[in-house]
Amino acid sequence: MIQLLFLVVLAEAAVALLLMVKVGPLREVAMRGVEQAKTGKGPATVKTLACTLSVILMSSVASILKIQNRGLKLGTVSPMDQVLWRTHLLEASLIGFTLFLAFVIDRLHHYLRKLITLRKAANTSREEVEKLQMENRLFREKEEKSSSEIKKLHQEIAKLNESMKKLKSESEDHERKVLEAEAHVNALQKQSEELLLEYDRLLEDNQILQSQLHYKG
């Protein structure tokens, strides 16, 4: 029994050491072994062994106390009782250490699983942050491109406004020239009418003169 307990303690110590210190792929192997012990029928088997060891531990403690009480009553302890006392003490110590290492292994596995989950979450968050930064960078580039396009549009609008002002000015000049031409045409028409009236008057005078000359002849 004691040799078996020594082997169990050594095995548990090795598993605990592998869980605490990463030695190549051995930690993953130890993690898989503990996970297998926690799946299927593993938990029931572990609980049964733990209960059995607890019962043996209590029996050993009870035997130790019984031997001590008998020695106090007799005032001396026989060599046989000393051997039994030491055997039970060693057995109780090994069982207690076995249960303690099993608890340590369970807690180490639990916290390592949490650590792995947190690392995965951190990696996922880092990837999301990088993705958001990339999207932000693309958005800024698009915004800068849009602002440059807007500036270009503003420049084109300013050029169009200048062209419109120039066309408006040319149109006003053209209208002014048209008005001047119309006024000149009206003046020529008026002058032509006056000339026609003068021509008619001269014709009448000429007829009057011809009639007078004809009358005198």
N, C-alpha and C. Protein backbone atom coordinates (compact mmCIF):
# COMPACT_ATOMS: atom_id res chain seq x y z
N MET A 1 0.84 -1.20 0.00
CA MET A 1 0.00 0.00 0.00
C MET A 1 0.87 1.25 0.00
N ILE A 2 1.90 1.25 0.83
CA ILE A 2 2.76 2.44 0.93
C ILE A 2 3.53 2.64 -0.37
N GLN A 3 4.00 1.55 -0.99
CA GLN A 3 4.71 1.68 -2.25
C GLN A 3 3.78 2.22 -3.35
N LEU A 4 2.53 1.74 -3.35
CA LEU A 4 1.56 2.24 -4.32
C LEU A 4 1.29 3.73 -4.11
N LEU A 5 1.18 4.14 -2.83
CA LEU A 5 0.96 5.55 -2.53
C LEU A 5 2.16 6.39 -2.96
N PHE A 6 3.36 5.88 -2.78
CA PHE A 6 4.55 6.60 -3.25
C PHE A 6 4.50 6.81 -4.76
N LEU A 7 4.11 5.74 -5.49
CA LEU A 7 4.01 5.86 -6.94
C LEU A 7 2.95 6.90 -7.34
N VAL A 8 1.80 6.88 -6.63
CA VAL A 8 0.72 7.84 -6.94
C VAL A 8 1.20 9.27 -6.67
N VAL A 9 1.90 9.45 -5.53
CA VAL A 9 2.40 10.79 -5.18
C VAL A 9 3.40 11.26 -6.23
N LEU A 10 4.30 10.39 -6.65
CA LEU A 10 5.27 10.77 -7.68
C LEU A 10 4.59 11.12 -9.00
N ALA A 11 3.59 10.30 -9.36
CA ALA A 11 2.87 10.57 -10.61
C ALA A 11 2.13 11.91 -10.54
N GLU A 12 1.46 12.16 -9.41
CA GLU A 12 0.74 13.43 -9.25
C GLU A 12 1.71 14.61 -9.22
N ALA A 13 2.86 14.43 -8.56
CA ALA A 13 3.85 15.51 -8.52
C ALA A 13 4.37 15.81 -9.93
N ALA A 14 4.57 14.76 -10.72
CA ALA A 14 5.04 14.96 -12.10
C ALA A 14 3.99 15.70 -12.92
N VAL A 15 2.70 15.31 -12.76
CA VAL A 15 1.62 15.99 -13.50
C VAL A 15 1.52 17.45 -13.08
N ALA A 16 1.58 17.70 -11.76
CA ALA A 16 1.51 19.08 -11.26
C ALA A 16 2.68 19.91 -11.79
N LEU A 17 3.89 19.29 -11.81
CA LEU A 17 5.06 20.01 -12.33
C LEU A 17 4.90 20.34 -13.81
N LEU A 18 4.36 19.38 -14.58
CA LEU A 18 4.15 19.63 -16.01
C LEU A 18 3.10 20.71 -16.25
N LEU A 19 2.10 20.77 -15.37
CA LEU A 19 1.07 21.82 -15.51
C LEU A 19 1.62 23.19 -15.13
N MET A 20 2.55 23.22 -14.16
CA MET A 20 3.10 24.51 -13.72
C MET A 20 4.19 25.01 -14.66
N VAL A 21 5.00 24.07 -15.20
CA VAL A 21 6.13 24.45 -16.04
C VAL A 21 5.90 23.87 -17.43
N LYS A 22 5.96 24.73 -18.45
CA LYS A 22 5.74 24.28 -19.82
C LYS A 22 7.03 23.66 -20.36
N VAL A 23 6.98 22.34 -20.60
CA VAL A 23 8.13 21.62 -21.14
C VAL A 23 7.70 21.02 -22.47
N GLY A 24 7.91 21.78 -23.55
CA GLY A 24 7.53 21.30 -24.87
C GLY A 24 6.04 20.99 -24.92
N PRO A 25 5.69 19.85 -25.57
CA PRO A 25 4.27 19.48 -25.66
C PRO A 25 3.76 18.68 -24.48
N LEU A 26 4.60 18.53 -23.43
CA LEU A 26 4.20 17.68 -22.29
C LEU A 26 3.04 18.31 -21.51
N ARG A 27 2.99 19.66 -21.47
CA ARG A 27 1.87 20.29 -20.77
C ARG A 27 0.54 19.94 -21.45
N GLU A 28 0.53 19.96 -22.79
CA GLU A 28 -0.70 19.61 -23.51
C GLU A 28 -1.10 18.16 -23.23
N VAL A 29 -0.08 17.28 -23.16
CA VAL A 29 -0.38 15.87 -22.85
C VAL A 29 -0.98 15.75 -21.46
N ALA A 30 -0.40 16.47 -20.48
CA ALA A 30 -0.93 16.43 -19.12
C ALA A 30 -2.34 17.02 -19.08
N MET A 31 -2.58 18.11 -19.82
CA MET A 31 -3.91 18.72 -19.86
C MET A 31 -4.94 17.74 -20.43
N ARG A 32 -4.56 17.05 -21.51
CA ARG A 32 -5.49 16.09 -22.10
C ARG A 32 -5.79 14.95 -21.11
N GLY A 33 -4.75 14.49 -20.40
CA GLY A 33 -4.97 13.42 -19.42
C GLY A 33 -5.93 13.85 -18.32
N VAL A 34 -5.75 15.07 -17.79
CA VAL A 34 -6.65 15.56 -16.75
C VAL A 34 -8.06 15.75 -17.29
N GLU A 35 -8.16 16.25 -18.54
CA GLU A 35 -9.49 16.44 -19.14
C GLU A 35 -10.20 15.10 -19.33
N GLN A 36 -9.45 14.07 -19.73
CA GLN A 36 -10.06 12.75 -19.87
C GLN A 36 -10.54 12.22 -18.52
N ALA A 37 -9.76 12.54 -17.45
CA ALA A 37 -10.17 12.10 -16.11
C ALA A 37 -11.43 12.83 -15.64
N LYS A 38 -11.72 14.01 -16.26
CA LYS A 38 -12.89 14.79 -15.86
C LYS A 38 -14.09 14.57 -16.77
N THR A 39 -13.94 13.70 -17.79
CA THR A 39 -15.04 13.44 -18.71
C THR A 39 -15.49 11.99 -18.60
N GLY A 40 -16.71 11.73 -19.01
CA GLY A 40 -17.24 10.37 -18.98
C GLY A 40 -17.39 9.83 -17.56
N LYS A 41 -16.83 8.64 -17.35
CA LYS A 41 -16.88 8.01 -16.03
C LYS A 41 -15.74 8.46 -15.13
N GLY A 42 -14.87 9.31 -15.65
CA GLY A 42 -13.71 9.77 -14.88
C GLY A 42 -14.07 10.44 -13.57
N PRO A 43 -14.99 11.43 -13.55
CA PRO A 43 -15.33 12.09 -12.28
C PRO A 43 -15.85 11.13 -11.21
N ALA A 44 -16.68 10.17 -11.63
CA ALA A 44 -17.21 9.21 -10.65
C ALA A 44 -16.09 8.35 -10.08
N THR A 45 -15.16 7.93 -10.96
CA THR A 45 -14.04 7.12 -10.50
C THR A 45 -13.14 7.90 -9.55
N VAL A 46 -12.87 9.15 -9.89
CA VAL A 46 -12.02 9.98 -9.04
C VAL A 46 -12.68 10.22 -7.68
N LYS A 47 -13.99 10.48 -7.70
CA LYS A 47 -14.69 10.69 -6.42
C LYS A 47 -14.67 9.42 -5.56
N THR A 48 -14.83 8.28 -6.23
CA THR A 48 -14.79 7.00 -5.48
C THR A 48 -13.42 6.79 -4.84
N LEU A 49 -12.35 7.03 -5.62
CA LEU A 49 -11.00 6.88 -5.09
C LEU A 49 -10.73 7.88 -3.96
N ALA A 50 -11.23 9.12 -4.15
CA ALA A 50 -11.02 10.13 -3.11
C ALA A 50 -11.73 9.74 -1.82
N CYS A 51 -12.96 9.23 -1.95
CA CYS A 51 -13.69 8.79 -0.76
C CYS A 51 -12.99 7.61 -0.08
N THR A 52 -12.50 6.67 -0.91
CA THR A 52 -11.80 5.51 -0.36
C THR A 52 -10.54 5.94 0.38
N LEU A 53 -9.76 6.84 -0.23
CA LEU A 53 -8.54 7.32 0.41
C LEU A 53 -8.87 8.12 1.67
N SER A 54 -9.97 8.86 1.65
CA SER A 54 -10.36 9.61 2.85
C SER A 54 -10.71 8.67 4.00
N VAL A 55 -11.41 7.58 3.65
CA VAL A 55 -11.75 6.60 4.68
C VAL A 55 -10.49 5.95 5.24
N ILE A 56 -9.54 5.60 4.33
CA ILE A 56 -8.28 5.01 4.80
C ILE A 56 -7.51 6.02 5.65
N LEU A 57 -7.54 7.32 5.22
CA LEU A 57 -6.85 8.35 5.99
C LEU A 57 -7.44 8.47 7.40
N MET A 58 -8.76 8.49 7.48
CA MET A 58 -9.40 8.59 8.80
C MET A 58 -9.09 7.36 9.64
N SER A 59 -9.05 6.17 8.98
CA SER A 59 -8.73 4.95 9.71
C SER A 59 -7.29 5.00 10.24
N SER A 60 -6.37 5.53 9.41
CA SER A 60 -4.98 5.63 9.84
C SER A 60 -4.85 6.63 10.99
N VAL A 61 -5.54 7.75 10.89
CA VAL A 61 -5.50 8.74 11.97
C VAL A 61 -6.08 8.16 13.25
N ALA A 62 -7.18 7.42 13.08
CA ALA A 62 -7.78 6.80 14.26
C ALA A 62 -6.81 5.78 14.89
N SER A 63 -6.12 5.01 14.07
CA SER A 63 -5.15 4.03 14.58
C SER A 63 -4.00 4.74 15.30
N ILE A 64 -3.55 5.89 14.73
CA ILE A 64 -2.46 6.65 15.36
C ILE A 64 -2.90 7.15 16.72
N LEU A 65 -4.11 7.70 16.78
CA LEU A 65 -4.62 8.21 18.07
C LEU A 65 -4.82 7.07 19.07
N LYS A 66 -5.27 5.92 18.57
CA LYS A 66 -5.47 4.77 19.45
C LYS A 66 -4.15 4.30 20.05
N ILE A 67 -3.11 4.25 19.20
CA ILE A 67 -1.79 3.82 19.69
C ILE A 67 -1.25 4.82 20.70
N GLN A 68 -1.44 6.13 20.41
CA GLN A 68 -0.95 7.16 21.34
C GLN A 68 -1.69 7.09 22.68
N ASN A 69 -2.98 6.87 22.62
CA ASN A 69 -3.75 6.77 23.88
C ASN A 69 -3.33 5.53 24.68
N ARG A 70 -3.09 4.43 23.97
CA ARG A 70 -2.65 3.22 24.67
C ARG A 70 -1.29 3.43 25.29
N GLY A 71 -0.40 4.14 24.61
CA GLY A 71 0.92 4.42 25.17
C GLY A 71 0.83 5.32 26.37
N LEU A 72 -0.11 6.30 26.35
CA LEU A 72 -0.28 7.18 27.51
C LEU A 72 -0.82 6.40 28.72
N LYS A 73 -1.72 5.47 28.45
CA LYS A 73 -2.26 4.68 29.56
C LYS A 73 -1.21 3.76 30.17
N LEU A 74 -0.43 3.10 29.28
CA LEU A 74 0.58 2.16 29.78
C LEU A 74 1.86 2.86 30.22
N GLY A 75 2.05 4.09 29.78
CA GLY A 75 3.25 4.83 30.13
C GLY A 75 4.44 4.47 29.27
N THR A 76 4.27 3.56 28.35
CA THR A 76 5.34 3.16 27.44
C THR A 76 4.72 2.62 26.17
N VAL A 77 5.51 2.66 25.11
CA VAL A 77 5.02 2.18 23.80
C VAL A 77 5.90 1.01 23.39
N SER A 78 5.22 -0.09 23.05
CA SER A 78 5.97 -1.29 22.65
C SER A 78 6.58 -1.09 21.27
N PRO A 79 7.64 -1.84 20.96
CA PRO A 79 8.25 -1.72 19.62
C PRO A 79 7.26 -1.99 18.49
N MET A 80 6.34 -2.93 18.74
CA MET A 80 5.34 -3.23 17.71
C MET A 80 4.43 -2.03 17.46
N ASP A 81 4.01 -1.37 18.56
CA ASP A 81 3.16 -0.18 18.43
C ASP A 81 3.92 0.96 17.74
N GLN A 82 5.22 1.07 18.05
CA GLN A 82 6.00 2.12 17.39
C GLN A 82 6.06 1.89 15.88
N VAL A 83 6.26 0.60 15.49
CA VAL A 83 6.29 0.29 14.06
C VAL A 83 4.94 0.59 13.42
N LEU A 84 3.85 0.17 14.12
CA LEU A 84 2.51 0.44 13.59
C LEU A 84 2.23 1.94 13.53
N TRP A 85 2.67 2.68 14.59
CA TRP A 85 2.45 4.13 14.62
C TRP A 85 3.14 4.82 13.45
N ARG A 86 4.39 4.44 13.21
CA ARG A 86 5.14 5.03 12.11
C ARG A 86 4.54 4.64 10.75
N THR A 87 4.09 3.38 10.65
CA THR A 87 3.48 2.94 9.39
C THR A 87 2.20 3.72 9.11
N HIS A 88 1.33 3.83 10.12
CA HIS A 88 0.08 4.58 9.94
C HIS A 88 0.35 6.07 9.68
N LEU A 89 1.36 6.62 10.35
CA LEU A 89 1.70 8.04 10.14
C LEU A 89 2.18 8.28 8.71
N LEU A 90 3.05 7.36 8.23
CA LEU A 90 3.54 7.48 6.86
C LEU A 90 2.39 7.30 5.87
N GLU A 91 1.53 6.32 6.17
CA GLU A 91 0.40 6.08 5.28
C GLU A 91 -0.54 7.29 5.25
N ALA A 92 -0.83 7.85 6.43
CA ALA A 92 -1.72 9.02 6.51
C ALA A 92 -1.09 10.22 5.79
N SER A 93 0.22 10.39 5.99
CA SER A 93 0.91 11.51 5.33
C SER A 93 0.85 11.36 3.81
N LEU A 94 1.11 10.15 3.31
CA LEU A 94 1.07 9.92 1.86
C LEU A 94 -0.34 10.12 1.30
N ILE A 95 -1.34 9.61 2.03
CA ILE A 95 -2.72 9.78 1.56
C ILE A 95 -3.10 11.27 1.55
N GLY A 96 -2.74 11.97 2.63
CA GLY A 96 -3.04 13.40 2.68
C GLY A 96 -2.34 14.17 1.56
N PHE A 97 -1.07 13.81 1.33
CA PHE A 97 -0.34 14.48 0.25
C PHE A 97 -0.93 14.12 -1.10
N THR A 98 -1.41 12.88 -1.26
CA THR A 98 -2.05 12.47 -2.51
C THR A 98 -3.32 13.28 -2.77
N LEU A 99 -4.14 13.41 -1.73
CA LEU A 99 -5.37 14.20 -1.88
C LEU A 99 -5.05 15.67 -2.15
N PHE A 100 -4.02 16.18 -1.47
CA PHE A 100 -3.64 17.58 -1.68
C PHE A 100 -3.15 17.80 -3.11
N LEU A 101 -2.30 16.89 -3.61
CA LEU A 101 -1.81 17.03 -4.98
C LEU A 101 -2.95 16.89 -6.00
N ALA A 102 -3.91 16.01 -5.70
CA ALA A 102 -5.07 15.89 -6.60
C ALA A 102 -5.84 17.21 -6.65
N PHE A 103 -6.00 17.85 -5.49
CA PHE A 103 -6.67 19.16 -5.45
C PHE A 103 -5.87 20.21 -6.22
N VAL A 104 -4.54 20.22 -6.03
CA VAL A 104 -3.68 21.17 -6.74
C VAL A 104 -3.77 20.97 -8.24
N ILE A 105 -3.74 19.68 -8.68
CA ILE A 105 -3.84 19.39 -10.12
C ILE A 105 -5.17 19.87 -10.67
N ASP A 106 -6.26 19.65 -9.91
CA ASP A 106 -7.57 20.10 -10.36
C ASP A 106 -7.61 21.62 -10.51
N ARG A 107 -7.06 22.34 -9.51
CA ARG A 107 -7.08 23.81 -9.57
C ARG A 107 -6.17 24.33 -10.69
N LEU A 108 -5.01 23.69 -10.86
CA LEU A 108 -4.10 24.10 -11.94
C LEU A 108 -4.76 23.92 -13.30
N HIS A 109 -5.41 22.77 -13.48
CA HIS A 109 -6.10 22.51 -14.75
C HIS A 109 -7.20 23.54 -14.96
N HIS A 110 -7.96 23.83 -13.90
CA HIS A 110 -9.05 24.81 -14.00
C HIS A 110 -8.52 26.19 -14.41
N TYR A 111 -7.47 26.65 -13.73
CA TYR A 111 -6.94 27.97 -14.03
C TYR A 111 -6.22 28.02 -15.38
N LEU A 112 -5.60 26.91 -15.78
CA LEU A 112 -4.99 26.88 -17.11
C LEU A 112 -6.04 26.94 -18.21
N ARG A 113 -7.18 26.24 -17.99
CA ARG A 113 -8.25 26.33 -18.96
C ARG A 113 -8.78 27.76 -19.04
N LYS A 114 -8.91 28.41 -17.89
CA LYS A 114 -9.34 29.81 -17.89
C LYS A 114 -8.33 30.69 -18.61
N LEU A 115 -7.03 30.41 -18.35
CA LEU A 115 -5.98 31.20 -18.99
C LEU A 115 -6.01 31.02 -20.51
N ILE A 116 -6.20 29.78 -20.97
CA ILE A 116 -6.28 29.52 -22.40
C ILE A 116 -7.48 30.25 -23.01
N THR A 117 -8.63 30.17 -22.29
CA THR A 117 -9.83 30.86 -22.78
C THR A 117 -9.60 32.37 -22.85
N LEU A 118 -8.96 32.92 -21.80
CA LEU A 118 -8.69 34.36 -21.79
C LEU A 118 -7.72 34.75 -22.91
N ARG A 119 -6.72 33.90 -23.16
CA ARG A 119 -5.78 34.19 -24.26
C ARG A 119 -6.50 34.17 -25.59
N LYS A 120 -7.39 33.18 -25.79
CA LYS A 120 -8.15 33.14 -27.03
C LYS A 120 -9.02 34.37 -27.18
N ALA A 121 -9.67 34.76 -26.05
CA ALA A 121 -10.50 35.97 -26.08
C ALA A 121 -9.65 37.20 -26.38
N ALA A 122 -8.45 37.24 -25.76
CA ALA A 122 -7.56 38.38 -26.01
C ALA A 122 -7.12 38.42 -27.47
N ASN A 123 -6.80 37.24 -28.03
CA ASN A 123 -6.41 37.20 -29.45
C ASN A 123 -7.56 37.63 -30.34
N THR A 124 -8.78 37.16 -29.99
CA THR A 124 -9.95 37.56 -30.77
C THR A 124 -10.17 39.06 -30.67
N SER A 125 -10.03 39.59 -29.43
CA SER A 125 -10.20 41.04 -29.24
C SER A 125 -9.13 41.81 -30.00
N ARG A 126 -7.87 41.29 -29.98
CA ARG A 126 -6.80 41.95 -30.70
C ARG A 126 -7.08 41.96 -32.21
N GLU A 127 -7.59 40.82 -32.72
CA GLU A 127 -7.93 40.77 -34.14
C GLU A 127 -9.06 41.74 -34.47
N GLU A 128 -10.06 41.82 -33.55
CA GLU A 128 -11.16 42.76 -33.79
C GLU A 128 -10.66 44.20 -33.75
N VAL A 129 -9.74 44.48 -32.79
CA VAL A 129 -9.18 45.83 -32.71
C VAL A 129 -8.41 46.17 -33.99
N GLU A 130 -7.60 45.20 -34.46
CA GLU A 130 -6.85 45.42 -35.71
C GLU A 130 -7.80 45.62 -36.88
N LYS A 131 -8.90 44.84 -36.90
CA LYS A 131 -9.89 44.99 -37.96
C LYS A 131 -10.54 46.37 -37.90
N LEU A 132 -10.88 46.81 -36.67
CA LEU A 132 -11.48 48.13 -36.51
C LEU A 132 -10.50 49.23 -36.91
N GLN A 133 -9.22 49.04 -36.54
CA GLN A 133 -8.21 50.02 -36.94
C GLN A 133 -8.08 50.08 -38.46
N MET A 134 -8.11 48.90 -39.11
CA MET A 134 -8.04 48.87 -40.57
C MET A 134 -9.25 49.56 -41.18
N GLU A 135 -10.45 49.28 -40.63
CA GLU A 135 -11.65 49.94 -41.14
C GLU A 135 -11.58 51.44 -40.92
N ASN A 136 -11.06 51.83 -39.75
CA ASN A 136 -10.91 53.27 -39.47
C ASN A 136 -9.95 53.92 -40.44
N ARG A 137 -8.83 53.20 -40.74
CA ARG A 137 -7.86 53.72 -41.69
C ARG A 137 -8.48 53.87 -43.08
N LEU A 138 -9.25 52.84 -43.50
CA LEU A 138 -9.92 52.91 -44.80
C LEU A 138 -10.94 54.04 -44.83
N PHE A 139 -11.66 54.20 -43.70
CA PHE A 139 -12.65 55.28 -43.62
C PHE A 139 -11.97 56.64 -43.73
N ARG A 140 -10.82 56.78 -43.05
CA ARG A 140 -10.10 58.05 -43.13
C ARG A 140 -9.61 58.31 -44.55
N GLU A 141 -9.10 57.24 -45.20
CA GLU A 141 -8.66 57.41 -46.58
C GLU A 141 -9.81 57.82 -47.49
N LYS A 142 -10.97 57.16 -47.29
CA LYS A 142 -12.14 57.54 -48.08
C LYS A 142 -12.57 58.97 -47.77
N GLU A 143 -12.49 59.33 -46.47
CA GLU A 143 -12.86 60.68 -46.08
C GLU A 143 -11.92 61.71 -46.71
N GLU A 144 -10.61 61.41 -46.68
CA GLU A 144 -9.65 62.32 -47.31
C GLU A 144 -9.90 62.40 -48.81
N LYS A 145 -10.18 61.24 -49.43
CA LYS A 145 -10.47 61.24 -50.85
C LYS A 145 -11.73 62.04 -51.15
N SER A 146 -12.76 61.86 -50.30
CA SER A 146 -14.00 62.60 -50.48
C SER A 146 -13.76 64.10 -50.30
N SER A 147 -12.94 64.46 -49.29
CA SER A 147 -12.66 65.88 -49.08
C SER A 147 -11.91 66.48 -50.27
N SER A 148 -10.95 65.70 -50.84
CA SER A 148 -10.24 66.20 -52.02
C SER A 148 -11.20 66.34 -53.20
N GLU A 149 -12.11 65.37 -53.35
CA GLU A 149 -13.10 65.47 -54.42
C GLU A 149 -14.01 66.67 -54.20
N ILE A 150 -14.38 66.91 -52.94
CA ILE A 150 -15.23 68.06 -52.63
C ILE A 150 -14.50 69.36 -52.95
N LYS A 151 -13.21 69.42 -52.59
CA LYS A 151 -12.43 70.61 -52.92
C LYS A 151 -12.37 70.80 -54.44
N LYS A 152 -12.18 69.69 -55.16
CA LYS A 152 -12.14 69.77 -56.61
C LYS A 152 -13.47 70.26 -57.17
N LEU A 153 -14.57 69.76 -56.58
CA LEU A 153 -15.89 70.21 -57.02
C LEU A 153 -16.09 71.69 -56.72
N HIS A 154 -15.62 72.13 -55.54
CA HIS A 154 -15.72 73.55 -55.20
C HIS A 154 -14.94 74.40 -56.22
N GLN A 155 -13.75 73.92 -56.59
CA GLN A 155 -12.96 74.64 -57.59
C GLN A 155 -13.69 74.70 -58.92
N GLU A 156 -14.26 73.56 -59.34
CA GLU A 156 -15.01 73.55 -60.59
C GLU A 156 -16.22 74.48 -60.52
N ILE A 157 -16.91 74.49 -59.36
CA ILE A 157 -18.06 75.39 -59.19
C ILE A 157 -17.62 76.84 -59.26
N ALA A 158 -16.45 77.13 -58.63
CA ALA A 158 -15.93 78.50 -58.70
C ALA A 158 -15.62 78.89 -60.14
N LYS A 159 -15.02 77.94 -60.90
CA LYS A 159 -14.73 78.22 -62.31
C LYS A 159 -16.02 78.44 -63.09
N LEU A 160 -17.03 77.61 -62.81
CA LEU A 160 -18.32 77.78 -63.49
C LEU A 160 -18.96 79.12 -63.14
N ASN A 161 -18.84 79.53 -61.87
CA ASN A 161 -19.38 80.83 -61.47
C ASN A 161 -18.67 81.96 -62.22
N GLU A 162 -17.34 81.83 -62.31
CA GLU A 162 -16.60 82.85 -63.06
C GLU A 162 -17.02 82.88 -64.52
N SER A 163 -17.20 81.67 -65.10
CA SER A 163 -17.64 81.59 -66.50
C SER A 163 -19.03 82.20 -66.66
N MET A 164 -19.92 81.92 -65.68
CA MET A 164 -21.26 82.49 -65.73
C MET A 164 -21.23 84.01 -65.62
N LYS A 165 -20.37 84.51 -64.71
CA LYS A 165 -20.23 85.96 -64.59
C LYS A 165 -19.73 86.57 -65.90
N LYS A 166 -18.73 85.89 -66.51
CA LYS A 166 -18.19 86.39 -67.77
C LYS A 166 -19.25 86.38 -68.85
N LEU A 167 -20.01 85.26 -68.93
CA LEU A 167 -21.08 85.18 -69.92
C LEU A 167 -22.16 86.22 -69.66
N LYS A 168 -22.46 86.45 -68.38
CA LYS A 168 -23.45 87.46 -68.04
C LYS A 168 -22.98 88.85 -68.47
N SER A 169 -21.68 89.11 -68.20
CA SER A 169 -21.12 90.39 -68.61
C SER A 169 -21.15 90.54 -70.13
N GLU A 170 -20.76 89.46 -70.85
CA GLU A 170 -20.81 89.51 -72.31
C GLU A 170 -22.24 89.69 -72.81
N SER A 171 -23.18 89.01 -72.13
CA SER A 171 -24.58 89.14 -72.52
C SER A 171 -25.08 90.56 -72.30
N GLU A 172 -24.68 91.16 -71.18
CA GLU A 172 -25.07 92.55 -70.93
C GLU A 172 -24.47 93.48 -71.98
N ASP A 173 -23.19 93.23 -72.34
CA ASP A 173 -22.57 94.04 -73.40
C ASP A 173 -23.31 93.87 -74.72
N HIS A 174 -23.66 92.63 -75.02
CA HIS A 174 -24.39 92.37 -76.26
C HIS A 174 -25.74 93.06 -76.26
N GLU A 175 -26.45 92.97 -75.10
CA GLU A 175 -27.74 93.66 -75.01
C GLU A 175 -27.57 95.17 -75.16
N ARG A 176 -26.51 95.68 -74.55
CA ARG A 176 -26.27 97.12 -74.67
C ARG A 176 -26.00 97.50 -76.12
N LYS A 177 -25.18 96.68 -76.82
CA LYS A 177 -24.91 96.95 -78.23
C LYS A 177 -26.18 96.85 -79.06
N VAL A 178 -27.02 95.84 -78.72
CA VAL A 178 -28.29 95.70 -79.44
C VAL A 178 -29.17 96.93 -79.24
N LEU A 179 -29.23 97.41 -77.99
CA LEU A 179 -30.02 98.60 -77.71
C LEU A 179 -29.47 99.81 -78.47
N GLU A 180 -28.13 99.91 -78.49
CA GLU A 180 -27.52 101.01 -79.22
C GLU A 180 -27.83 100.91 -80.71
N ALA A 181 -27.75 99.65 -81.24
CA ALA A 181 -28.06 99.45 -82.65
C ALA A 181 -29.52 99.80 -82.94
N GLU A 182 -30.43 99.39 -82.02
CA GLU A 182 -31.85 99.72 -82.21
C GLU A 182 -32.07 101.23 -82.18
N ALA A 183 -31.36 101.87 -81.21
CA ALA A 183 -31.50 103.33 -81.15
C ALA A 183 -30.97 103.98 -82.43
N HIS A 184 -29.85 103.45 -82.94
CA HIS A 184 -29.28 104.00 -84.19
C HIS A 184 -30.24 103.77 -85.36
N VAL A 185 -30.84 102.57 -85.39
CA VAL A 185 -31.81 102.26 -86.45
C VAL A 185 -33.02 103.19 -86.36
N ASN A 186 -33.50 103.41 -85.12
CA ASN A 186 -34.64 104.32 -84.95
C ASN A 186 -34.29 105.73 -85.41
N ALA A 187 -33.03 106.14 -85.06
CA ALA A 187 -32.61 107.47 -85.50
C ALA A 187 -32.55 107.56 -87.02
N LEU A 188 -32.02 106.48 -87.66
CA LEU A 188 -31.97 106.47 -89.13
C LEU A 188 -33.36 106.48 -89.73
N GLN A 189 -34.28 105.71 -89.10
CA GLN A 189 -35.65 105.71 -89.60
C GLN A 189 -36.28 107.10 -89.50
N LYS A 190 -36.03 107.73 -88.35
CA LYS A 190 -36.58 109.08 -88.17
C LYS A 190 -35.99 110.05 -89.19
N GLN A 191 -34.64 109.92 -89.39
CA GLN A 191 -33.98 110.78 -90.37
C GLN A 191 -34.49 110.50 -91.78
N SER A 192 -34.74 109.19 -92.08
CA SER A 192 -35.28 108.82 -93.39
C SER A 192 -36.66 109.41 -93.59
N GLU A 193 -37.50 109.36 -92.54
CA GLU A 193 -38.84 109.94 -92.63
C GLU A 193 -38.77 111.44 -92.88
N GLU A 194 -37.83 112.08 -92.18
CA GLU A 194 -37.68 113.53 -92.36
C GLU A 194 -37.23 113.84 -93.80
N LEU A 195 -36.31 112.99 -94.30
CA LEU A 195 -35.85 113.18 -95.68
C LEU A 195 -36.98 112.96 -96.67
N LEU A 196 -37.82 111.96 -96.41
CA LEU A 196 -38.96 111.71 -97.29
C LEU A 196 -39.91 112.90 -97.29
N LEU A 197 -40.16 113.43 -96.07
CA LEU A 197 -41.04 114.59 -95.98
C LEU A 197 -40.44 115.78 -96.74
N GLU A 198 -39.10 115.92 -96.58
CA GLU A 198 -38.43 117.01 -97.28
C GLU A 198 -38.49 116.79 -98.79
N TYR A 199 -38.37 115.53 -99.21
CA TYR A 199 -38.44 115.20 -100.63
C TYR A 199 -39.84 115.50 -101.17
N ASP A 200 -40.86 115.12 -100.36
CA ASP A 200 -42.24 115.41 -100.79
C ASP A 200 -42.45 116.90 -100.90
N ARG A 201 -41.92 117.65 -99.96
CA ARG A 201 -42.10 119.10 -99.97
C ARG A 201 -41.41 119.70 -101.19
N LEU A 202 -40.20 119.14 -101.48
CA LEU A 202 -39.48 119.63 -102.65
C LEU A 202 -40.23 119.29 -103.94
N LEU A 203 -40.84 118.14 -104.01
CA LEU A 203 -41.64 117.77 -105.17
C LEU A 203 -42.81 118.73 -105.35
N GLU A 204 -43.47 119.05 -104.24
CA GLU A 204 -44.60 119.98 -104.31
C GLU A 204 -44.12 121.35 -104.79
N ASP A 205 -42.96 121.78 -104.23
CA ASP A 205 -42.43 123.07 -104.67
C ASP A 205 -42.08 123.04 -106.16
N ASN A 206 -41.53 121.90 -106.60
CA ASN A 206 -41.16 121.77 -107.99
C ASN A 206 -42.40 121.83 -108.88
N GLN A 207 -43.45 121.15 -108.45
CA GLN A 207 -44.69 121.18 -109.23
C GLN A 207 -45.28 122.60 -109.28
N ILE A 208 -45.18 123.25 -108.14
CA ILE A 208 -45.71 124.63 -108.10
C ILE A 208 -44.91 125.50 -109.05
N LEU A 209 -43.59 125.36 -109.05
CA LEU A 209 -42.74 126.15 -109.93
C LEU A 209 -43.03 125.84 -111.39
N GLN A 210 -43.19 124.54 -111.69
CA GLN A 210 -43.48 124.16 -113.08
C GLN A 210 -44.84 124.72 -113.53
N SER A 211 -45.77 124.68 -112.62
CA SER A 211 -47.10 125.22 -112.99
C SER A 211 -47.02 126.72 -113.20
N GLN A 212 -46.23 127.40 -112.38
CA GLN A 212 -46.10 128.85 -112.55
C GLN A 212 -45.41 129.16 -113.89
N LEU A 213 -44.33 128.39 -114.19
CA LEU A 213 -43.62 128.62 -115.44
C LEU A 213 -44.54 128.35 -116.63
N HIS A 214 -45.34 127.33 -116.56
CA HIS A 214 -46.26 126.98 -117.60
C HIS A 214 -47.30 128.06 -117.77
N TYR A 215 -47.73 128.65 -116.69
CA TYR A 215 -48.75 129.69 -116.73
C TYR A 215 -48.17 130.93 -117.37
N LYS A 216 -46.91 131.30 -117.05
CA LYS A 216 -46.29 132.48 -117.63
C LYS A 216 -46.01 132.27 -119.10
N GLY A 217 -45.70 131.08 -119.54
CA GLY A 217 -45.42 130.84 -120.94
C GLY A 217 -46.69 130.80 -121.73
